[in-house]
PDB file of N, CA and C in Angstrom:
ATOM      1  N   GLU A   1       0.842  -1.200   0.000  1.00  0.00           N
ATOM      2  CA  GLU A   1       0.000   0.000   0.000  1.00  0.00           C
ATOM      3  C   GLU A   1       0.875   1.246   0.000  1.00  0.00           C
ATOM      4  N   THR A   2       0.403   2.239  -0.703  1.00  0.00           N
ATOM      5  CA  THR A   2       1.110   3.508  -0.691  1.00  0.00           C
ATOM      6  C   THR A   2       0.696   4.300   0.537  1.00  0.00           C
ATOM      7  N   ASP A   3       1.460   5.331   0.846  1.00  0.00           N
ATOM      8  CA  ASP A   3       1.110   6.201   1.970  1.00  0.00           C
ATOM      9  C   ASP A   3      -0.256   6.838   1.759  1.00  0.00           C
ATOM     10  N   ALA A   4      -0.560   7.222   0.521  1.00  0.00           N
ATOM     11  CA  ALA A   4      -1.846   7.865   0.229  1.00  0.00           C
ATOM     12  C   ALA A   4      -3.001   6.901   0.495  1.00  0.00           C
ATOM     13  N   GLU A   5      -2.843   5.645   0.120  1.00  0.00           N
ATOM     14  CA  GLU A   5      -3.893   4.654   0.369  1.00  0.00           C
ATOM     15  C   GLU A   5      -4.101   4.454   1.865  1.00  0.00           C
ATOM     16  N   GLU A   6      -3.009   4.383   2.604  1.00  0.00           N
ATOM     17  CA  GLU A   6      -3.103   4.203   4.052  1.00  0.00           C
ATOM     18  C   GLU A   6      -3.773   5.408   4.706  1.00  0.00           C
ATOM     19  N   GLU A   7      -3.422   6.611   4.253  1.00  0.00           N
ATOM     20  CA  GLU A   7      -4.042   7.825   4.793  1.00  0.00           C
ATOM     21  C   GLU A   7      -5.541   7.848   4.504  1.00  0.00           C
ATOM     22  N   LEU A   8      -5.927   7.432   3.311  1.00  0.00           N
ATOM     23  CA  LEU A   8      -7.341   7.396   2.945  1.00  0.00           C
ATOM     24  C   LEU A   8      -8.102   6.407   3.826  1.00  0.00           C
ATOM     25  N   LYS A   9      -7.516   5.241   4.063  1.00  0.00           N
ATOM     26  CA  LYS A   9      -8.158   4.248   4.932  1.00  0.00           C
ATOM     27  C   LYS A   9      -8.314   4.782   6.353  1.00  0.00           C
ATOM     28  N   GLU A  10      -7.303   5.464   6.856  1.00  0.00           N
ATOM     29  CA  GLU A  10      -7.374   6.025   8.208  1.00  0.00           C
ATOM     30  C   GLU A  10      -8.442   7.110   8.287  1.00  0.00           C
ATOM     31  N   ALA A  11      -8.529   7.951   7.264  1.00  0.00           N
ATOM     32  CA  ALA A  11      -9.555   9.000   7.243  1.00  0.00           C
ATOM     33  C   ALA A  11     -10.944   8.374   7.209  1.00  0.00           C
ATOM     34  N   PHE A  12     -11.101   7.317   6.420  1.00  0.00           N
ATOM     35  CA  PHE A  12     -12.395   6.642   6.339  1.00  0.00           C
ATOM     36  C   PHE A  12     -12.801   6.091   7.700  1.00  0.00           C
ATOM     37  N   LYS A  13     -11.845   5.514   8.419  1.00  0.00           N
ATOM     38  CA  LYS A  13     -12.140   4.966   9.750  1.00  0.00           C
ATOM     39  C   LYS A  13     -12.649   6.051  10.692  1.00  0.00           C
ATOM     40  N   VAL A  14     -12.108   7.254  10.568  1.00  0.00           N
ATOM     41  CA  VAL A  14     -12.561   8.370  11.404  1.00  0.00           C
ATOM     42  C   VAL A  14     -14.013   8.703  11.074  1.00  0.00           C
ATOM     43  N   PHE A  15     -14.365   8.702   9.799  1.00  0.00           N
ATOM     44  CA  PHE A  15     -15.721   9.042   9.380  1.00  0.00           C
ATOM     45  C   PHE A  15     -16.714   7.921   9.694  1.00  0.00           C
ATOM     46  N   ASP A  16     -16.268   6.688   9.608  1.00  0.00           N
ATOM     47  CA  ASP A  16     -17.124   5.516   9.805  1.00  0.00           C
ATOM     48  C   ASP A  16     -17.208   5.205  11.305  1.00  0.00           C
ATOM     49  N   LYS A  17     -18.012   5.991  12.010  1.00  0.00           N
ATOM     50  CA  LYS A  17     -18.068   5.929  13.474  1.00  0.00           C
ATOM     51  C   LYS A  17     -18.419   4.551  14.017  1.00  0.00           C
ATOM     52  N   ASP A  18     -19.338   3.834  13.376  1.00  0.00           N
ATOM     53  CA  ASP A  18     -19.731   2.524  13.895  1.00  0.00           C
ATOM     54  C   ASP A  18     -18.904   1.383  13.301  1.00  0.00           C
ATOM     55  N   GLN A  19     -17.895   1.739  12.489  1.00  0.00           N
ATOM     56  CA  GLN A  19     -16.947   0.774  11.924  1.00  0.00           C
ATOM     57  C   GLN A  19     -17.633  -0.370  11.166  1.00  0.00           C
ATOM     58  N   ASN A  20     -18.690  -0.025  10.413  1.00  0.00           N
ATOM     59  CA  ASN A  20     -19.394  -1.055   9.646  1.00  0.00           C
ATOM     60  C   ASN A  20     -18.939  -1.114   8.188  1.00  0.00           C
ATOM     61  N   GLY A  21     -17.978  -0.272   7.823  1.00  0.00           N
ATOM     62  CA  GLY A  21     -17.473  -0.278   6.457  1.00  0.00           C
ATOM     63  C   GLY A  21     -18.175   0.684   5.527  1.00  0.00           C
ATOM     64  N   TYR A  22     -19.143   1.419   6.053  1.00  0.00           N
ATOM     65  CA  TYR A  22     -19.902   2.386   5.261  1.00  0.00           C
ATOM     66  C   TYR A  22     -19.988   3.702   6.017  1.00  0.00           C
ATOM     67  N   ILE A  23     -20.166   4.782   5.285  1.00  0.00           N
ATOM     68  CA  ILE A  23     -20.400   6.087   5.903  1.00  0.00           C
ATOM     69  C   ILE A  23     -21.866   6.427   5.681  1.00  0.00           C
ATOM     70  N   SER A  24     -22.624   6.490   6.767  1.00  0.00           N
ATOM     71  CA  SER A  24     -24.058   6.779   6.678  1.00  0.00           C
ATOM     72  C   SER A  24     -24.288   8.273   6.486  1.00  0.00           C
ATOM     73  N   ALA A  25     -25.519   8.622   6.169  1.00  0.00           N
ATOM     74  CA  ALA A  25     -25.876  10.036   6.036  1.00  0.00           C
ATOM     75  C   ALA A  25     -25.616  10.766   7.344  1.00  0.00           C
ATOM     76  N   ASN A  26     -25.946  10.144   8.471  1.00  0.00           N
ATOM     77  CA  ASN A  26     -25.710  10.788   9.764  1.00  0.00           C
ATOM     78  C   ASN A  26     -24.229  10.967  10.042  1.00  0.00           C
ATOM     79  N   GLU A  27     -23.420   9.963   9.702  1.00  0.00           N
ATOM     80  CA  GLU A  27     -21.975  10.077   9.892  1.00  0.00           C
ATOM     81  C   GLU A  27     -21.410  11.173   8.997  1.00  0.00           C
ATOM     82  N   LEU A  28     -21.866  11.231   7.755  1.00  0.00           N
ATOM     83  CA  LEU A  28     -21.418  12.270   6.831  1.00  0.00           C
ATOM     84  C   LEU A  28     -21.806  13.649   7.345  1.00  0.00           C
ATOM     85  N   ARG A  29     -23.030  13.788   7.809  1.00  0.00           N
ATOM     86  CA  ARG A  29     -23.507  15.063   8.347  1.00  0.00           C
ATOM     87  C   ARG A  29     -22.635  15.494   9.532  1.00  0.00           C
ATOM     88  N   HIS A  30     -22.327  14.554  10.431  1.00  0.00           N
ATOM     89  CA  HIS A  30     -21.504  14.840  11.604  1.00  0.00           C
ATOM     90  C   HIS A  30     -20.111  15.326  11.186  1.00  0.00           C
ATOM     91  N   VAL A  31     -19.513  14.638  10.226  1.00  0.00           N
ATOM     92  CA  VAL A  31     -18.188  15.025   9.737  1.00  0.00           C
ATOM     93  C   VAL A  31     -18.231  16.421   9.130  1.00  0.00           C
ATOM     94  N   MET A  32     -19.222  16.681   8.293  1.00  0.00           N
ATOM     95  CA  MET A  32     -19.303  17.978   7.622  1.00  0.00           C
ATOM     96  C   MET A  32     -19.524  19.106   8.624  1.00  0.00           C
ATOM     97  N   ILE A  33     -20.339  18.875   9.646  1.00  0.00           N
ATOM     98  CA  ILE A  33     -20.544  19.893  10.682  1.00  0.00           C
ATOM     99  C   ILE A  33     -19.232  20.164  11.400  1.00  0.00           C
ATOM    100  N   ASN A  34     -18.480  19.102  11.706  1.00  0.00           N
ATOM    101  CA  ASN A  34     -17.193  19.282  12.375  1.00  0.00           C
ATOM    102  C   ASN A  34     -16.197  20.035  11.502  1.00  0.00           C
ATOM    103  N   LEU A  35     -16.370  19.959  10.197  1.00  0.00           N
ATOM    104  CA  LEU A  35     -15.511  20.702   9.273  1.00  0.00           C
ATOM    105  C   LEU A  35     -16.023  22.120   9.030  1.00  0.00           C
ATOM    106  N   GLY A  36     -17.126  22.469   9.695  1.00  0.00           N
ATOM    107  CA  GLY A  36     -17.667  23.817   9.562  1.00  0.00           C
ATOM    108  C   GLY A  36     -18.696  23.977   8.469  1.00  0.00           C
ATOM    109  N   GLU A  37     -19.104  22.871   7.862  1.00  0.00           N
ATOM    110  CA  GLU A  37     -20.099  22.913   6.790  1.00  0.00           C
ATOM    111  C   GLU A  37     -21.472  22.599   7.363  1.00  0.00           C
ATOM    112  N   LYS A  38     -22.383  23.513   7.239  1.00  0.00           N
ATOM    113  CA  LYS A  38     -23.754  23.282   7.679  1.00  0.00           C
ATOM    114  C   LYS A  38     -24.568  22.883   6.449  1.00  0.00           C
ATOM    115  N   LEU A  39     -24.901  21.612   6.358  1.00  0.00           N
ATOM    116  CA  LEU A  39     -25.624  21.108   5.197  1.00  0.00           C
ATOM    117  C   LEU A  39     -27.069  20.799   5.558  1.00  0.00           C
ATOM    118  N   THR A  40     -27.945  21.011   4.594  1.00  0.00           N
ATOM    119  CA  THR A  40     -29.336  20.599   4.773  1.00  0.00           C
ATOM    120  C   THR A  40     -29.419  19.084   4.585  1.00  0.00           C
ATOM    121  N   ASP A  41     -30.523  18.494   5.012  1.00  0.00           N
ATOM    122  CA  ASP A  41     -30.734  17.063   4.795  1.00  0.00           C
ATOM    123  C   ASP A  41     -30.673  16.733   3.309  1.00  0.00           C
ATOM    124  N   GLU A  42     -31.221  17.623   2.495  1.00  0.00           N
ATOM    125  CA  GLU A  42     -31.228  17.399   1.048  1.00  0.00           C
ATOM    126  C   GLU A  42     -29.806  17.387   0.491  1.00  0.00           C
ATOM    127  N   GLU A  43     -28.953  18.286   0.977  1.00  0.00           N
ATOM    128  CA  GLU A  43     -27.568  18.329   0.506  1.00  0.00           C
ATOM    129  C   GLU A  43     -26.813  17.062   0.901  1.00  0.00           C
ATOM    130  N   VAL A  44     -27.037  16.585   2.119  1.00  0.00           N
ATOM    131  CA  VAL A  44     -26.391  15.349   2.559  1.00  0.00           C
ATOM    132  C   VAL A  44     -26.868  14.180   1.704  1.00  0.00           C
ATOM    133  N   GLU A  45     -28.170  14.090   1.481  1.00  0.00           N
ATOM    134  CA  GLU A  45     -28.710  13.004   0.657  1.00  0.00           C
ATOM    135  C   GLU A  45     -28.153  13.063  -0.761  1.00  0.00           C
ATOM    136  N   GLN A  46     -27.992  14.261  -1.305  1.00  0.00           N
ATOM    137  CA  GLN A  46     -27.432  14.409  -2.652  1.00  0.00           C
ATOM    138  C   GLN A  46     -25.986  13.922  -2.687  1.00  0.00           C
ATOM    139  N   MET A  47     -25.210  14.245  -1.655  1.00  0.00           N
ATOM    140  CA  MET A  47     -23.824  13.772  -1.589  1.00  0.00           C
ATOM    141  C   MET A  47     -23.783  12.246  -1.553  1.00  0.00           C
ATOM    142  N   ILE A  48     -24.675  11.648  -0.768  1.00  0.00           N
ATOM    143  CA  ILE A  48     -24.728  10.188  -0.677  1.00  0.00           C
ATOM    144  C   ILE A  48     -25.097   9.590  -2.037  1.00  0.00           C
ATOM    145  N   LYS A  49     -26.100  10.160  -2.699  1.00  0.00           N
ATOM    146  CA  LYS A  49     -26.523   9.650  -4.013  1.00  0.00           C
ATOM    147  C   LYS A  49     -25.388   9.718  -5.021  1.00  0.00           C
ATOM    148  N   GLU A  50     -24.630  10.811  -5.007  1.00  0.00           N
ATOM    149  CA  GLU A  50     -23.536  10.971  -5.962  1.00  0.00           C
ATOM    150  C   GLU A  50     -22.415   9.968  -5.703  1.00  0.00           C
ATOM    151  N   ALA A  51     -22.217   9.590  -4.444  1.00  0.00           N
ATOM    152  CA  ALA A  51     -21.148   8.654  -4.103  1.00  0.00           C
ATOM    153  C   ALA A  51     -21.595   7.196  -4.180  1.00  0.00           C
ATOM    154  N   ASP A  52     -22.892   6.950  -4.164  1.00  0.00           N
ATOM    155  CA  ASP A  52     -23.454   5.596  -4.148  1.00  0.00           C
ATOM    156  C   ASP A  52     -23.586   5.090  -5.580  1.00  0.00           C
ATOM    157  N   LEU A  53     -22.487   4.599  -6.116  1.00  0.00           N
ATOM    158  CA  LEU A  53     -22.435   4.264  -7.532  1.00  0.00           C
ATOM    159  C   LEU A  53     -23.344   3.111  -7.929  1.00  0.00           C
ATOM    160  N   ASP A  54     -23.560   2.150  -7.029  1.00  0.00           N
ATOM    161  CA  ASP A  54     -24.403   1.014  -7.403  1.00  0.00           C
ATOM    162  C   ASP A  54     -25.836   1.129  -6.895  1.00  0.00           C
ATOM    163  N   GLY A  55     -26.148   2.233  -6.214  1.00  0.00           N
ATOM    164  CA  GLY A  55     -27.516   2.499  -5.798  1.00  0.00           C
ATOM    165  C   GLY A  55     -28.031   1.635  -4.665  1.00  0.00           C
ATOM    166  N   ASP A  56     -27.119   1.026  -3.886  1.00  0.00           N
ATOM    167  CA  ASP A  56     -27.579   0.153  -2.804  1.00  0.00           C
ATOM    168  C   ASP A  56     -27.772   0.882  -1.475  1.00  0.00           C
ATOM    169  N   GLY A  57     -27.547   2.182  -1.478  1.00  0.00           N
ATOM    170  CA  GLY A  57     -27.747   2.962  -0.261  1.00  0.00           C
ATOM    171  C   GLY A  57     -26.578   2.904   0.697  1.00  0.00           C
ATOM    172  N   GLN A  58     -25.502   2.277   0.287  1.00  0.00           N
ATOM    173  CA  GLN A  58     -24.319   2.163   1.142  1.00  0.00           C
ATOM    174  C   GLN A  58     -23.087   2.594   0.388  1.00  0.00           C
TER     175      GLN A  58
END
């Protein structure tokens, strides 16, 4: 693994609070608020839809 891959995995672990391998809408919202971004529910859902390439909701 490259350093960049390892850093990405570590960042994902921080976002994935329940360590289930997925970042939920609530986890994403929490991360964005901590980064100073106040998103509406619609904006969070749109981000999830754009990242959910296979449409399984995860």
